Amino acid sequence: MIERLDPLSLLRRSALPAACIGMMIYFAYFAVSGPTGILALREYRAQRAVVSAQVAQGVETKAALARQVELLDPQNVDPDFADELVRKNLGVVREDEFVLPVD
């Protein structure tokens, strides 16, 4: 014997599976193309490379400054480095030196 279902009963029985499938599609869409999805991963990797380069440059700058601080230790000042800083910052030259401006 074949049982016929009325349309309202069929709609009620299929509402929960349809809602679950809709939610799965929603989450799958945002997992692929959302702001933190798979497609955004390339952009994050590019940003990470830029930031890593900046960090490496900062580490190099910090090491250079640490070397300069070491050379300017109050108990043991390096005379060549102190002379270089005075000449560069104050523009001081000796009487027996000639300054040739370079463009």
Protein backbone atom coordinates (compact mmCIF):
# COMPACT_ATOMS: atom_id res chain seq x y z
CA MET A 1 0.00 0.00 0.00
CA ILE A 2 1.39 3.40 -1.02
CA GLU A 3 1.00 6.16 1.48
CA ARG A 4 0.64 9.71 0.22
CA LEU A 5 2.11 12.57 2.18
CA ASP A 6 0.50 15.92 2.15
CA PRO A 7 2.77 18.88 1.18
CA LEU A 8 2.71 20.37 4.67
CA SER A 9 3.93 17.15 6.25
CA LEU A 10 6.66 16.83 3.62
CA LEU A 11 7.76 20.42 4.33
CA ARG A 12 7.93 19.78 8.06
CA ARG A 13 9.99 16.59 7.59
CA SER A 14 12.48 18.28 5.25
CA ALA A 15 12.89 21.57 7.16
CA LEU A 16 15.56 20.37 9.62
CA PRO A 17 17.77 18.64 7.01
CA ALA A 18 17.46 21.67 4.71
CA ALA A 19 18.45 24.03 7.54
CA CYS A 20 21.45 21.82 8.39
CA ILE A 21 22.58 21.74 4.74
CA GLY A 22 22.16 25.52 4.54
CA MET A 23 24.31 26.03 7.64
CA MET A 24 26.98 23.69 6.24
CA ILE A 25 27.06 25.69 3.01
CA TYR A 26 27.29 28.93 4.99
CA PHE A 27 30.25 27.74 7.08
CA ALA A 28 31.98 26.16 4.07
CA TYR A 29 31.70 29.43 2.14
CA PHE A 30 33.30 31.45 4.94
CA ALA A 31 35.97 28.78 5.50
CA VAL A 32 37.08 29.23 1.90
CA SER A 33 36.48 32.90 1.05
CA GLY A 34 35.85 34.62 4.36
CA PRO A 35 38.15 37.18 5.98
CA THR A 36 40.14 34.40 7.67
CA GLY A 37 39.54 31.72 5.05
CA ILE A 38 41.81 29.76 2.79
CA LEU A 39 41.88 32.44 0.09
CA ALA A 40 43.00 35.06 2.63
CA LEU A 41 45.92 32.84 3.60
CA ARG A 42 48.03 34.14 0.68
CA GLU A 43 47.62 37.71 1.83
CA TYR A 44 48.55 36.77 5.39
CA ARG A 45 51.69 35.01 4.16
CA ALA A 46 52.70 38.10 2.16
CA GLN A 47 52.14 40.32 5.19
CA ARG A 48 54.14 37.91 7.32
CA ALA A 49 57.08 38.10 4.88
CA VAL A 50 57.02 41.92 5.05
CA VAL A 51 56.89 41.93 8.84
CA SER A 52 59.68 39.34 9.05
CA ALA A 53 61.86 41.55 6.86
CA GLN A 54 61.12 44.52 9.12
CA VAL A 55 62.00 42.46 12.19
CA ALA A 56 65.28 41.36 10.61
CA GLN A 57 66.11 44.98 9.78
CA GLY A 58 65.27 45.98 13.37
CA VAL A 59 67.55 43.26 14.74
CA GLU A 60 70.40 44.49 12.53
CA THR A 61 69.81 48.09 13.63
CA LYS A 62 69.75 47.03 17.27
CA ALA A 63 73.04 45.14 16.85
CA ALA A 64 74.67 48.18 15.19
CA LEU A 65 73.48 50.46 18.00
CA ALA A 66 74.73 47.98 20.60
CA ARG A 67 78.18 48.07 18.96
CA GLN A 68 78.16 51.88 19.06
CA VAL A 69 77.12 51.90 22.72
CA GLU A 70 79.91 49.47 23.47
CA LEU A 71 82.42 51.78 21.75
CA LEU A 72 81.16 54.76 23.78
CA ASP A 73 81.56 53.07 27.16
CA PRO A 74 82.50 55.85 29.66
CA GLN A 75 85.38 53.83 31.12
CA ASN A 76 86.89 52.90 27.74
CA VAL A 77 85.92 55.29 24.93
CA ASP A 78 87.24 54.41 21.48
CA PRO A 79 89.03 57.59 20.31
CA ASP A 80 88.50 56.93 16.60
CA PHE A 81 84.76 56.46 17.02
CA ALA A 82 84.47 59.55 19.25
CA ASP A 83 86.41 61.58 16.66
CA GLU A 84 84.11 60.30 13.90
CA LEU A 85 80.98 61.25 15.85
CA VAL A 86 82.28 64.75 16.63
CA ARG A 87 83.21 65.37 13.01
CA LYS A 88 79.90 64.07 11.69
CA ASN A 89 77.57 65.76 14.17
CA LEU A 90 79.36 69.04 14.79
CA GLY A 91 81.15 69.51 11.48
CA VAL A 92 84.50 70.09 13.21
CA VAL A 93 87.75 69.82 11.21
CA ARG A 94 91.40 70.31 12.09
CA GLU A 95 93.41 73.24 10.82
CA ASP A 96 95.56 71.07 8.55
CA GLU A 97 92.62 69.38 6.81
CA PHE A 98 90.81 70.34 3.61
CA VAL A 99 87.09 69.73 3.16
CA LEU A 100 85.97 68.85 -0.36
CA PRO A 101 82.20 68.94 -0.77
CA VAL A 102 80.87 66.02 -2.82
CA ASP A 103 77.57 66.33 -4.64
